């Protein structure tokens, strides 16, 4: 076999897609981040025809350049929660407002091969939107987020995603120095609320683009 790694990821992505679809998620697979943007911007979003769009924190979303495309698109009313000109109070209020948009875009901390989404949040706006509020949720997910099961998802989040995000955000939680969860009580703790999304309700409300590249944390 000339490309065993390509075949490995093809099989793993197909298996994950099938499991997610059995759990009522609407799932697409993109070979790379450019195709992920194309699927979202030219297929999924026009079909939804949202009037209002917002998003939660996601390195993958920004990495696909979908963020840049949408925030400058006059067809949509955008609530940009990434706007650096906002005061902390204004930023929090915008996150509250974003829970009632037609389309909310974000990522996920982990996705299991059995078809569940596992997330851990600091403020909770990202997982709140995933659970209820926006009419449609779109998740952009790099292949590196795929894990075997919920136990593996928790380990990935505690001992990789959380410490790396603490480092990225210059937080003072101890995991930023040790590289693993210390079950801390730091004022900067970013690990406050867990969610496990076993199925999309209503069916296909949550749409997922699995990207055959390592993206995000």
N, C-alpha and C. Protein backbone atom coordinates (compact mmCIF):
# COMPACT_ATOMS: atom_id res chain seq x y z
N UNK A 1 0.85 -1.19 0.00
CA UNK A 1 0.00 0.00 0.00
C UNK A 1 0.89 1.25 0.00
N UNK A 2 0.62 2.17 -0.92
CA UNK A 2 1.46 3.35 -1.07
C UNK A 2 1.25 4.39 0.03
N UNK A 3 0.00 4.54 0.49
CA UNK A 3 -0.32 5.60 1.45
C UNK A 3 -1.11 5.04 2.63
N UNK A 4 -0.46 4.27 3.51
CA UNK A 4 -1.20 3.65 4.62
C UNK A 4 -1.79 4.66 5.59
N UNK A 5 -1.12 5.80 5.79
CA UNK A 5 -1.66 6.80 6.72
C UNK A 5 -2.95 7.40 6.16
N UNK A 6 -2.95 7.67 4.86
CA UNK A 6 -4.17 8.18 4.23
C UNK A 6 -5.31 7.19 4.37
N UNK A 7 -5.02 5.92 4.16
CA UNK A 7 -6.05 4.89 4.27
C UNK A 7 -6.55 4.77 5.71
N UNK A 8 -5.62 4.87 6.66
CA UNK A 8 -6.00 4.82 8.08
C UNK A 8 -7.02 5.90 8.41
N UNK A 9 -6.71 7.15 8.02
CA UNK A 9 -7.62 8.25 8.36
C UNK A 9 -8.91 8.18 7.57
N UNK A 10 -8.86 7.69 6.37
CA UNK A 10 -10.09 7.52 5.59
C UNK A 10 -11.04 6.58 6.31
N UNK A 11 -10.52 5.46 6.78
CA UNK A 11 -11.35 4.48 7.48
C UNK A 11 -11.86 5.03 8.80
N UNK A 12 -11.01 5.72 9.54
CA UNK A 12 -11.42 6.24 10.85
C UNK A 12 -12.47 7.34 10.72
N UNK A 13 -12.30 8.21 9.75
CA UNK A 13 -13.28 9.27 9.51
C UNK A 13 -14.62 8.68 9.06
N UNK A 14 -14.58 7.67 8.20
CA UNK A 14 -15.82 7.04 7.75
C UNK A 14 -16.54 6.38 8.91
N UNK A 15 -15.79 5.73 9.79
CA UNK A 15 -16.39 5.06 10.95
C UNK A 15 -17.03 6.08 11.89
N UNK A 16 -16.34 7.19 12.11
CA UNK A 16 -16.88 8.23 12.98
C UNK A 16 -18.10 8.90 12.36
N UNK A 17 -18.04 9.17 11.07
CA UNK A 17 -19.19 9.76 10.38
C UNK A 17 -20.42 8.86 10.49
N UNK A 18 -20.24 7.59 10.27
CA UNK A 18 -21.37 6.65 10.35
C UNK A 18 -21.98 6.63 11.74
N UNK A 19 -21.13 6.63 12.77
CA UNK A 19 -21.63 6.62 14.15
C UNK A 19 -22.38 7.90 14.48
N UNK A 20 -21.85 9.04 14.05
CA UNK A 20 -22.51 10.32 14.30
C UNK A 20 -23.85 10.40 13.59
N UNK A 21 -23.89 9.95 12.35
CA UNK A 21 -25.15 9.99 11.61
C UNK A 21 -26.21 9.09 12.25
N UNK A 22 -25.78 7.98 12.84
CA UNK A 22 -26.71 7.11 13.56
C UNK A 22 -27.27 7.80 14.80
N UNK A 23 -26.55 8.82 15.28
CA UNK A 23 -27.00 9.60 16.43
C UNK A 23 -27.66 10.92 16.02
N UNK A 24 -28.10 10.99 14.78
CA UNK A 24 -28.92 12.10 14.26
C UNK A 24 -28.16 13.38 13.96
N UNK A 25 -26.82 13.33 13.94
CA UNK A 25 -26.04 14.48 13.49
C UNK A 25 -26.00 14.48 11.96
N UNK A 26 -25.88 15.66 11.38
CA UNK A 26 -25.71 15.82 9.94
C UNK A 26 -24.22 16.00 9.68
N UNK A 27 -23.58 15.04 9.00
CA UNK A 27 -22.12 14.98 8.98
C UNK A 27 -21.57 15.02 7.55
N UNK A 28 -20.52 15.83 7.39
CA UNK A 28 -19.78 15.93 6.14
C UNK A 28 -18.32 15.63 6.43
N UNK A 29 -17.60 15.14 5.43
CA UNK A 29 -16.17 14.91 5.57
C UNK A 29 -15.45 15.74 4.50
N UNK A 30 -14.46 16.52 4.94
CA UNK A 30 -13.67 17.36 4.03
C UNK A 30 -12.22 16.89 4.05
N UNK A 31 -11.60 16.83 2.89
CA UNK A 31 -10.22 16.36 2.81
C UNK A 31 -9.22 17.33 3.41
N UNK A 32 -9.60 18.61 3.49
CA UNK A 32 -8.71 19.61 4.05
C UNK A 32 -9.51 20.83 4.49
N UNK A 33 -8.84 21.79 5.10
CA UNK A 33 -9.52 22.95 5.66
C UNK A 33 -10.15 23.83 4.58
N UNK A 34 -9.54 23.88 3.40
CA UNK A 34 -10.11 24.69 2.33
C UNK A 34 -11.45 24.12 1.85
N UNK A 35 -11.51 22.79 1.75
CA UNK A 35 -12.76 22.15 1.35
C UNK A 35 -13.80 22.26 2.47
N UNK A 36 -13.35 22.25 3.71
CA UNK A 36 -14.28 22.43 4.83
C UNK A 36 -14.96 23.79 4.74
N UNK A 37 -14.17 24.82 4.45
CA UNK A 37 -14.74 26.15 4.28
C UNK A 37 -15.72 26.17 3.12
N UNK A 38 -15.36 25.55 2.01
CA UNK A 38 -16.22 25.51 0.82
C UNK A 38 -17.56 24.84 1.13
N UNK A 39 -17.50 23.70 1.82
CA UNK A 39 -18.73 22.98 2.19
C UNK A 39 -19.62 23.85 3.07
N UNK A 40 -19.01 24.50 4.05
CA UNK A 40 -19.78 25.35 4.97
C UNK A 40 -20.37 26.56 4.26
N UNK A 41 -19.51 27.26 3.52
CA UNK A 41 -19.87 28.56 2.95
C UNK A 41 -20.77 28.44 1.72
N UNK A 42 -20.57 27.37 0.95
CA UNK A 42 -21.30 27.26 -0.31
C UNK A 42 -22.44 26.24 -0.28
N UNK A 43 -22.46 25.36 0.71
CA UNK A 43 -23.50 24.32 0.76
C UNK A 43 -24.36 24.43 2.02
N UNK A 44 -23.72 24.30 3.18
CA UNK A 44 -24.50 24.23 4.42
C UNK A 44 -25.19 25.55 4.74
N UNK A 45 -24.43 26.63 4.75
CA UNK A 45 -25.00 27.91 5.18
C UNK A 45 -26.07 28.43 4.21
N UNK A 46 -25.87 28.37 2.90
CA UNK A 46 -26.95 28.79 2.00
C UNK A 46 -28.22 27.95 2.17
N UNK A 47 -28.07 26.67 2.45
CA UNK A 47 -29.25 25.82 2.64
C UNK A 47 -30.02 26.21 3.90
N UNK A 48 -29.30 26.63 4.94
CA UNK A 48 -29.94 27.09 6.17
C UNK A 48 -30.58 28.46 5.98
N UNK A 49 -29.92 29.30 5.19
CA UNK A 49 -30.35 30.68 4.93
C UNK A 49 -30.56 31.45 6.24
N UNK A 50 -29.54 31.51 7.09
CA UNK A 50 -29.70 32.22 8.36
C UNK A 50 -29.69 33.73 8.17
N UNK A 51 -30.43 34.42 9.01
CA UNK A 51 -30.35 35.87 9.04
C UNK A 51 -29.28 36.34 10.01
N UNK A 52 -29.13 35.60 11.12
CA UNK A 52 -28.17 35.97 12.16
C UNK A 52 -27.19 34.82 12.39
N UNK A 53 -25.91 35.18 12.58
CA UNK A 53 -24.85 34.19 12.78
C UNK A 53 -23.93 34.67 13.91
N UNK A 54 -23.49 33.72 14.73
CA UNK A 54 -22.47 34.01 15.72
C UNK A 54 -21.63 32.76 15.93
N UNK A 55 -20.71 32.84 16.87
CA UNK A 55 -19.78 31.73 17.07
C UNK A 55 -19.21 31.71 18.48
N UNK A 56 -18.70 30.53 18.84
CA UNK A 56 -17.97 30.37 20.09
C UNK A 56 -16.50 30.17 19.78
N UNK A 57 -15.68 30.17 20.80
CA UNK A 57 -14.24 30.06 20.60
C UNK A 57 -13.86 28.78 19.88
N UNK A 58 -13.12 28.93 18.78
CA UNK A 58 -12.69 27.76 18.01
C UNK A 58 -11.50 28.13 17.13
N UNK A 59 -10.34 27.57 17.43
CA UNK A 59 -9.16 27.76 16.61
C UNK A 59 -9.39 27.16 15.22
N UNK A 60 -10.12 26.06 15.16
CA UNK A 60 -10.39 25.41 13.87
C UNK A 60 -11.24 26.29 12.97
N UNK A 61 -12.26 26.91 13.53
CA UNK A 61 -13.12 27.83 12.77
C UNK A 61 -12.30 28.94 12.14
N UNK A 62 -11.42 29.54 12.92
CA UNK A 62 -10.57 30.61 12.40
C UNK A 62 -9.59 30.05 11.36
N UNK A 63 -9.06 28.86 11.61
CA UNK A 63 -8.07 28.26 10.72
C UNK A 63 -8.60 27.94 9.34
N UNK A 64 -9.89 27.69 9.22
CA UNK A 64 -10.48 27.42 7.90
C UNK A 64 -10.71 28.70 7.11
N UNK A 65 -10.58 29.85 7.77
CA UNK A 65 -10.86 31.17 7.19
C UNK A 65 -12.34 31.42 6.93
N UNK A 66 -13.18 30.57 7.49
CA UNK A 66 -14.62 30.80 7.40
C UNK A 66 -15.01 32.02 8.22
N UNK A 67 -14.32 32.23 9.33
CA UNK A 67 -14.58 33.41 10.16
C UNK A 67 -14.41 34.69 9.36
N UNK A 68 -13.30 34.80 8.64
CA UNK A 68 -13.04 36.00 7.84
C UNK A 68 -14.11 36.20 6.78
N UNK A 69 -14.52 35.11 6.14
CA UNK A 69 -15.53 35.21 5.09
C UNK A 69 -16.87 35.68 5.62
N UNK A 70 -17.28 35.16 6.76
CA UNK A 70 -18.61 35.47 7.28
C UNK A 70 -18.70 36.85 7.91
N UNK A 71 -17.66 37.26 8.62
CA UNK A 71 -17.76 38.54 9.32
C UNK A 71 -17.80 39.71 8.33
N UNK A 72 -17.37 39.49 7.09
CA UNK A 72 -17.38 40.54 6.08
C UNK A 72 -18.48 40.34 5.03
N UNK A 73 -19.38 39.40 5.27
CA UNK A 73 -20.43 39.09 4.30
C UNK A 73 -21.69 39.90 4.62
N UNK A 74 -22.10 40.83 3.74
CA UNK A 74 -23.24 41.70 4.03
C UNK A 74 -24.58 40.98 4.03
N UNK A 75 -24.61 39.73 3.61
CA UNK A 75 -25.87 38.99 3.58
C UNK A 75 -26.35 38.61 4.99
N UNK A 76 -25.43 38.64 5.95
CA UNK A 76 -25.76 38.14 7.28
C UNK A 76 -25.56 39.21 8.35
N UNK A 77 -26.40 39.15 9.37
CA UNK A 77 -26.18 39.95 10.57
C UNK A 77 -25.31 39.13 11.51
N UNK A 78 -24.10 39.62 11.74
CA UNK A 78 -23.11 38.86 12.50
C UNK A 78 -22.93 39.45 13.88
N UNK A 79 -22.99 38.59 14.89
CA UNK A 79 -22.63 38.97 16.26
C UNK A 79 -21.24 38.42 16.51
N UNK A 80 -20.24 39.29 16.35
CA UNK A 80 -18.85 38.83 16.41
C UNK A 80 -18.36 38.81 17.86
N UNK A 81 -18.33 37.63 18.42
CA UNK A 81 -17.87 37.48 19.81
C UNK A 81 -16.36 37.56 19.93
N UNK A 82 -15.65 37.66 18.80
CA UNK A 82 -14.20 37.80 18.83
C UNK A 82 -13.75 39.27 18.78
N UNK A 83 -14.68 40.17 18.72
CA UNK A 83 -14.38 41.61 18.56
C UNK A 83 -13.56 42.12 19.74
N UNK A 84 -12.31 42.49 19.48
CA UNK A 84 -11.39 42.93 20.54
C UNK A 84 -11.69 44.34 21.05
N UNK A 85 -12.54 45.08 20.34
CA UNK A 85 -12.85 46.44 20.77
C UNK A 85 -13.89 46.48 21.89
N UNK A 86 -14.51 45.35 22.18
CA UNK A 86 -15.54 45.30 23.21
C UNK A 86 -14.93 45.28 24.61
N UNK A 87 -15.60 45.92 25.53
CA UNK A 87 -15.21 45.82 26.94
C UNK A 87 -15.57 44.43 27.45
N UNK A 88 -15.03 43.99 28.58
CA UNK A 88 -15.41 42.68 29.12
C UNK A 88 -16.91 42.55 29.33
N UNK A 89 -17.56 43.62 29.77
CA UNK A 89 -19.01 43.58 29.99
C UNK A 89 -19.75 43.45 28.66
N UNK A 90 -19.30 44.19 27.65
CA UNK A 90 -19.93 44.12 26.33
C UNK A 90 -19.70 42.75 25.70
N UNK A 91 -18.51 42.21 25.89
CA UNK A 91 -18.20 40.91 25.34
C UNK A 91 -19.09 39.82 25.93
N UNK A 92 -19.30 39.87 27.24
CA UNK A 92 -20.17 38.89 27.88
C UNK A 92 -21.60 39.03 27.40
N UNK A 93 -22.07 40.25 27.24
CA UNK A 93 -23.43 40.48 26.77
C UNK A 93 -23.60 39.97 25.34
N UNK A 94 -22.59 40.16 24.52
CA UNK A 94 -22.68 39.65 23.14
C UNK A 94 -22.74 38.13 23.14
N UNK A 95 -22.03 37.49 24.02
CA UNK A 95 -22.09 36.03 24.12
C UNK A 95 -23.48 35.58 24.54
N UNK A 96 -24.11 36.35 25.39
CA UNK A 96 -25.49 36.04 25.78
C UNK A 96 -26.42 36.18 24.58
N UNK A 97 -26.26 37.24 23.83
CA UNK A 97 -27.10 37.47 22.66
C UNK A 97 -26.90 36.39 21.60
N UNK A 98 -25.68 35.86 21.53
CA UNK A 98 -25.37 34.87 20.49
C UNK A 98 -26.11 33.56 20.68
N UNK A 99 -26.70 33.36 21.83
CA UNK A 99 -27.42 32.11 22.10
C UNK A 99 -28.77 32.06 21.40
N UNK A 100 -29.17 33.13 20.73
CA UNK A 100 -30.46 33.16 20.06
C UNK A 100 -30.34 33.40 18.55
N UNK A 101 -29.17 33.17 17.99
CA UNK A 101 -28.99 33.38 16.55
C UNK A 101 -29.53 32.19 15.76
N UNK A 102 -29.65 32.39 14.45
CA UNK A 102 -30.10 31.30 13.58
C UNK A 102 -29.02 30.24 13.40
N UNK A 103 -27.75 30.66 13.35
CA UNK A 103 -26.64 29.73 13.15
C UNK A 103 -25.51 30.07 14.09
N UNK A 104 -25.07 29.08 14.85
CA UNK A 104 -23.94 29.22 15.77
C UNK A 104 -22.85 28.27 15.32
N UNK A 105 -21.63 28.79 15.19
CA UNK A 105 -20.51 27.98 14.68
C UNK A 105 -19.44 27.84 15.77
N UNK A 106 -18.93 26.65 15.94
CA UNK A 106 -17.86 26.44 16.92
C UNK A 106 -17.16 25.12 16.63
N UNK A 107 -16.37 24.65 17.58
CA UNK A 107 -15.70 23.37 17.45
C UNK A 107 -16.12 22.45 18.59
N UNK A 108 -15.36 21.41 18.80
CA UNK A 108 -15.60 20.51 19.93
C UNK A 108 -14.26 20.08 20.49
N UNK A 109 -14.22 19.77 21.77
CA UNK A 109 -12.97 19.34 22.40
C UNK A 109 -12.60 17.91 22.03
N UNK A 110 -13.61 17.08 21.85
CA UNK A 110 -13.37 15.69 21.47
C UNK A 110 -14.63 15.12 20.84
N UNK A 111 -14.41 14.15 19.98
CA UNK A 111 -15.53 13.48 19.31
C UNK A 111 -15.22 11.99 19.29
N UNK A 112 -16.14 11.17 19.75
CA UNK A 112 -15.84 9.75 19.90
C UNK A 112 -16.20 8.96 18.64
N UNK A 113 -15.52 7.85 18.46
CA UNK A 113 -15.83 6.98 17.33
C UNK A 113 -17.18 6.30 17.50
N UNK A 114 -17.76 6.42 18.69
CA UNK A 114 -19.10 5.90 18.92
C UNK A 114 -20.17 6.98 18.71
N UNK A 115 -19.74 8.19 18.32
CA UNK A 115 -20.69 9.19 17.88
C UNK A 115 -21.16 10.19 18.91
N UNK A 116 -20.33 10.52 19.91
CA UNK A 116 -20.70 11.52 20.90
C UNK A 116 -19.72 12.70 20.85
N UNK A 117 -20.22 13.85 21.29
CA UNK A 117 -19.40 15.05 21.43
C UNK A 117 -19.12 15.26 22.92
N UNK A 118 -17.87 15.54 23.27
CA UNK A 118 -17.51 15.76 24.66
C UNK A 118 -16.81 17.12 24.76
N UNK A 119 -17.31 17.97 25.65
CA UNK A 119 -16.79 19.33 25.76
C UNK A 119 -16.66 19.77 27.21
N UNK A 120 -15.69 20.68 27.43
CA UNK A 120 -15.45 21.26 28.75
C UNK A 120 -15.23 22.76 28.56
N UNK A 121 -15.99 23.58 29.29
CA UNK A 121 -15.98 25.02 29.06
C UNK A 121 -15.67 25.81 30.32
N UNK A 122 -15.18 27.03 30.11
CA UNK A 122 -14.95 27.96 31.20
C UNK A 122 -16.21 28.78 31.48
N UNK A 123 -16.60 29.60 30.51
CA UNK A 123 -17.79 30.44 30.67
C UNK A 123 -19.06 29.64 30.44
N UNK A 124 -19.04 28.82 29.39
CA UNK A 124 -20.19 27.97 29.09
C UNK A 124 -21.01 28.39 27.89
N UNK A 125 -20.65 29.51 27.25
CA UNK A 125 -21.46 29.96 26.11
C UNK A 125 -21.40 28.98 24.95
N UNK A 126 -20.24 28.37 24.74
CA UNK A 126 -20.08 27.45 23.63
C UNK A 126 -20.94 26.20 23.80
N UNK A 127 -20.88 25.61 24.98
CA UNK A 127 -21.68 24.40 25.19
C UNK A 127 -23.15 24.71 25.42
N UNK A 128 -23.44 25.91 25.91
CA UNK A 128 -24.85 26.30 26.05
C UNK A 128 -25.50 26.36 24.68
N UNK A 129 -24.81 26.95 23.71
CA UNK A 129 -25.34 27.05 22.35
C UNK A 129 -25.48 25.68 21.71
N UNK A 130 -24.53 24.82 21.98
CA UNK A 130 -24.60 23.47 21.44
C UNK A 130 -25.82 22.73 21.97
N UNK A 131 -26.17 22.98 23.22
CA UNK A 131 -27.27 22.28 23.87
C UNK A 131 -28.63 22.83 23.48
N UNK A 132 -28.77 24.18 23.46
CA UNK A 132 -30.09 24.77 23.21
C UNK A 132 -29.94 26.25 22.91
N UNK A 133 -30.81 26.75 22.03
CA UNK A 133 -30.81 28.18 21.74
C UNK A 133 -30.78 28.46 20.26
N UNK A 134 -29.59 28.48 19.65
CA UNK A 134 -29.50 28.70 18.21
C UNK A 134 -30.29 27.64 17.43
N UNK A 135 -30.88 28.08 16.31
CA UNK A 135 -31.68 27.13 15.53
C UNK A 135 -30.82 26.01 14.95
N UNK A 136 -29.61 26.36 14.52
CA UNK A 136 -28.69 25.38 13.95
C UNK A 136 -27.29 25.62 14.51
N UNK A 137 -26.56 24.54 14.74
CA UNK A 137 -25.18 24.62 15.20
C UNK A 137 -24.30 23.90 14.19
N UNK A 138 -23.20 24.53 13.81
CA UNK A 138 -22.23 23.94 12.90
C UNK A 138 -20.90 23.77 13.62
N UNK A 139 -20.38 22.55 13.65
CA UNK A 139 -19.10 22.27 14.27
C UNK A 139 -18.06 21.95 13.20
N UNK A 140 -16.90 22.57 13.32
CA UNK A 140 -15.76 22.28 12.46
C UNK A 140 -14.75 21.51 13.29
N UNK A 141 -14.40 20.30 12.86
CA UNK A 141 -13.66 19.38 13.73
C UNK A 141 -12.48 18.76 12.99
N UNK A 142 -11.26 19.02 13.45
CA UNK A 142 -10.09 18.37 12.91
C UNK A 142 -10.02 16.92 13.33
N UNK A 143 -9.35 16.10 12.53
CA UNK A 143 -9.29 14.66 12.80
C UNK A 143 -8.61 14.34 14.12
N UNK A 144 -7.75 15.24 14.60
CA UNK A 144 -7.05 15.01 15.86
C UNK A 144 -7.98 15.01 17.07
N UNK A 145 -9.22 15.47 16.89
CA UNK A 145 -10.19 15.47 17.99
C UNK A 145 -10.88 14.11 18.16
N UNK A 146 -10.68 13.21 17.21
CA UNK A 146 -11.36 11.91 17.27
C UNK A 146 -10.66 11.00 18.29
N UNK A 147 -11.47 10.43 19.18
CA UNK A 147 -10.96 9.48 20.19
C UNK A 147 -11.85 8.25 20.20
N UNK A 148 -11.40 7.22 20.88
CA UNK A 148 -12.13 5.96 20.88
C UNK A 148 -13.48 6.05 21.57
N UNK A 149 -13.48 6.61 22.80
CA UNK A 149 -14.72 6.60 23.59
C UNK A 149 -14.72 7.78 24.56
N UNK A 150 -15.73 7.84 25.43
CA UNK A 150 -15.87 8.97 26.35
C UNK A 150 -14.72 9.03 27.35
N UNK A 151 -14.24 7.90 27.81
CA UNK A 151 -13.11 7.91 28.75
C UNK A 151 -11.88 8.52 28.10
N UNK A 152 -11.62 8.16 26.86
CA UNK A 152 -10.49 8.73 26.14
C UNK A 152 -10.69 10.22 25.88
N UNK A 153 -11.95 10.62 25.67
CA UNK A 153 -12.26 12.03 25.45
C UNK A 153 -11.92 12.86 26.68
N UNK A 154 -12.31 12.38 27.85
CA UNK A 154 -12.03 13.10 29.09
C UNK A 154 -10.52 13.23 29.31
N UNK A 155 -9.78 12.16 29.07
CA UNK A 155 -8.33 12.20 29.24
C UNK A 155 -7.70 13.19 28.26
N UNK A 156 -8.18 13.19 27.02
CA UNK A 156 -7.65 14.11 26.02
C UNK A 156 -7.86 15.55 26.45
N UNK A 157 -9.05 15.85 26.91
CA UNK A 157 -9.41 17.22 27.28
C UNK A 157 -8.62 17.67 28.51
N UNK A 158 -8.59 16.84 29.54
CA UNK A 158 -7.92 17.23 30.79
C UNK A 158 -6.41 17.36 30.63
N UNK A 159 -5.82 16.46 29.86
CA UNK A 159 -4.37 16.37 29.84
C UNK A 159 -3.73 16.86 28.54
N UNK A 160 -4.55 17.39 27.64
CA UNK A 160 -3.99 18.02 26.44
C UNK A 160 -4.70 19.32 26.10
N UNK A 161 -5.98 19.24 25.76
CA UNK A 161 -6.70 20.43 25.27
C UNK A 161 -6.71 21.54 26.32
N UNK A 162 -7.03 21.21 27.56
CA UNK A 162 -7.10 22.25 28.60
C UNK A 162 -5.73 22.88 28.88
N UNK A 163 -4.68 22.10 29.14
CA UNK A 163 -3.38 22.73 29.38
C UNK A 163 -2.89 23.59 28.22
N UNK A 164 -3.09 23.11 26.99
CA UNK A 164 -2.63 23.88 25.83
C UNK A 164 -3.41 25.19 25.72
N UNK A 165 -4.71 25.15 25.98
CA UNK A 165 -5.49 26.37 25.93
C UNK A 165 -5.13 27.34 27.06
N UNK A 166 -4.80 26.81 28.22
CA UNK A 166 -4.31 27.66 29.31
C UNK A 166 -3.04 28.39 28.88
N UNK A 167 -2.14 27.66 28.23
CA UNK A 167 -0.91 28.28 27.73
C UNK A 167 -1.21 29.33 26.66
N UNK A 168 -2.12 28.98 25.75
CA UNK A 168 -2.47 29.90 24.65
C UNK A 168 -3.06 31.20 25.17
N UNK A 169 -3.87 31.09 26.20
CA UNK A 169 -4.58 32.26 26.74
C UNK A 169 -3.81 32.96 27.86
N UNK A 170 -2.62 32.46 28.18
CA UNK A 170 -1.80 33.04 29.25
C UNK A 170 -2.52 33.05 30.59
N UNK A 171 -3.26 32.00 30.85
CA UNK A 171 -3.90 31.85 32.14
C UNK A 171 -2.87 31.35 33.17
N UNK A 172 -3.22 31.48 34.45
CA UNK A 172 -2.27 31.14 35.51
C UNK A 172 -2.58 29.81 36.19
N UNK A 173 -3.45 29.02 35.59
CA UNK A 173 -3.77 27.72 36.17
C UNK A 173 -2.54 26.81 36.15
N UNK A 174 -2.39 25.93 37.14
CA UNK A 174 -1.17 25.11 37.24
C UNK A 174 -0.95 24.16 36.08
N UNK A 175 -2.00 23.75 35.38
CA UNK A 175 -1.80 22.82 34.26
C UNK A 175 -0.98 23.46 33.15
N UNK A 176 -0.94 24.79 33.11
CA UNK A 176 -0.13 25.49 32.12
C UNK A 176 1.35 25.28 32.35
N UNK A 177 1.72 24.87 33.57
CA UNK A 177 3.13 24.62 33.88
C UNK A 177 3.46 23.13 33.92
N UNK A 178 2.46 22.31 34.27
CA UNK A 178 2.73 20.88 34.37
C UNK A 178 2.33 20.11 33.12
N UNK A 179 1.43 20.68 32.30
CA UNK A 179 0.97 20.00 31.10
C UNK A 179 -0.06 18.92 31.35
N UNK A 180 -0.66 18.94 32.55
CA UNK A 180 -1.71 17.96 32.85
C UNK A 180 -2.66 18.56 33.87
N UNK A 181 -3.85 18.00 33.96
CA UNK A 181 -4.85 18.51 34.91
C UNK A 181 -4.36 18.34 36.34
N UNK A 182 -4.49 19.42 37.13
CA UNK A 182 -4.13 19.39 38.55
C UNK A 182 -5.36 19.54 39.44
N UNK A 183 -6.56 19.45 38.82
CA UNK A 183 -7.82 19.60 39.56
C UNK A 183 -7.76 20.83 40.47
N UNK A 184 -7.42 21.97 39.87
CA UNK A 184 -7.09 23.16 40.63
C UNK A 184 -8.32 23.96 41.06
N UNK A 185 -8.05 24.95 41.89
CA UNK A 185 -9.06 25.93 42.28
C UNK A 185 -8.61 27.33 41.88
N UNK A 186 -7.84 27.40 40.83
CA UNK A 186 -7.30 28.67 40.37
C UNK A 186 -8.40 29.62 39.91
N UNK A 187 -8.28 30.92 40.18
CA UNK A 187 -9.24 31.90 39.64
C UNK A 187 -9.26 31.89 38.12
N UNK A 188 -8.18 31.42 37.49
CA UNK A 188 -8.09 31.35 36.04
C UNK A 188 -8.53 30.00 35.48
N UNK A 189 -9.07 29.15 36.32
CA UNK A 189 -9.48 27.81 35.87
C UNK A 189 -10.43 27.92 34.67
N UNK A 190 -10.14 27.17 33.60
CA UNK A 190 -11.00 27.21 32.42
C UNK A 190 -11.90 25.97 32.34
N UNK A 191 -11.78 25.07 33.30
CA UNK A 191 -12.52 23.80 33.28
C UNK A 191 -13.65 23.85 34.30
N UNK A 192 -14.83 24.25 33.85
CA UNK A 192 -15.93 24.42 34.81
C UNK A 192 -17.18 23.60 34.51
N UNK A 193 -17.51 23.40 33.25
CA UNK A 193 -18.76 22.70 32.93
C UNK A 193 -18.54 21.69 31.81
N UNK A 194 -18.90 20.43 32.10
CA UNK A 194 -18.82 19.36 31.11
C UNK A 194 -20.16 19.18 30.39
N UNK A 195 -20.10 18.81 29.12
CA UNK A 195 -21.29 18.31 28.43
C UNK A 195 -20.91 17.10 27.58
N UNK A 196 -21.82 16.15 27.52
CA UNK A 196 -21.72 15.02 26.61
C UNK A 196 -22.97 15.05 25.74
N UNK A 197 -22.79 15.25 24.46
CA UNK A 197 -23.91 15.30 23.53
C UNK A 197 -23.99 13.96 22.83
N UNK A 198 -24.98 13.15 23.21
CA UNK A 198 -25.08 11.81 22.67
C UNK A 198 -25.84 11.77 21.34
N UNK A 199 -26.78 12.69 21.17
CA UNK A 199 -27.54 12.74 19.93
C UNK A 199 -27.91 14.19 19.61
N UNK A 200 -28.13 14.46 18.33
CA UNK A 200 -28.63 15.77 17.93
C UNK A 200 -30.15 15.78 18.05
N UNK A 201 -30.67 16.80 18.72
CA UNK A 201 -32.12 16.97 18.80
C UNK A 201 -32.44 18.44 18.62
N UNK A 202 -33.31 18.77 17.67
CA UNK A 202 -33.93 17.87 16.71
C UNK A 202 -32.89 17.25 15.76
N UNK A 203 -33.33 16.25 15.03
CA UNK A 203 -32.44 15.56 14.10
C UNK A 203 -31.84 16.56 13.12
N UNK A 204 -30.52 16.48 12.96
CA UNK A 204 -29.73 17.31 12.05
C UNK A 204 -29.64 18.78 12.45
N UNK A 205 -30.11 19.12 13.67
CA UNK A 205 -29.88 20.49 14.16
C UNK A 205 -28.38 20.76 14.26
N UNK A 206 -27.63 19.78 14.74
CA UNK A 206 -26.17 19.91 14.85
C UNK A 206 -25.52 19.31 13.61
N UNK A 207 -24.81 20.16 12.89
CA UNK A 207 -24.12 19.74 11.68
C UNK A 207 -22.62 19.74 11.94
N UNK A 208 -21.93 18.76 11.41
CA UNK A 208 -20.52 18.57 11.70
C UNK A 208 -19.74 18.39 10.40
N UNK A 209 -18.65 19.13 10.27
CA UNK A 209 -17.70 18.89 9.19
C UNK A 209 -16.44 18.29 9.80
N UNK A 210 -16.19 17.03 9.50
CA UNK A 210 -14.96 16.36 9.93
C UNK A 210 -13.88 16.68 8.90
N UNK A 211 -12.75 17.19 9.36
CA UNK A 211 -11.69 17.65 8.47
C UNK A 211 -10.50 16.70 8.56
N UNK A 212 -10.05 16.22 7.41
CA UNK A 212 -8.96 15.26 7.38
C UNK A 212 -7.60 15.95 7.48
N UNK A 213 -7.48 16.78 8.51
CA UNK A 213 -6.24 17.46 8.89
C UNK A 213 -6.27 17.63 10.39
N UNK A 214 -5.09 17.74 11.01
CA UNK A 214 -5.02 18.09 12.41
C UNK A 214 -5.26 19.60 12.53
N UNK A 215 -6.29 19.96 13.29
CA UNK A 215 -6.64 21.36 13.45
C UNK A 215 -7.11 21.62 14.88
N UNK A 216 -6.73 22.76 15.41
CA UNK A 216 -7.18 23.14 16.74
C UNK A 216 -6.52 22.29 17.83
N UNK A 217 -7.01 22.50 19.07
CA UNK A 217 -6.45 21.80 20.22
C UNK A 217 -7.44 20.80 20.80
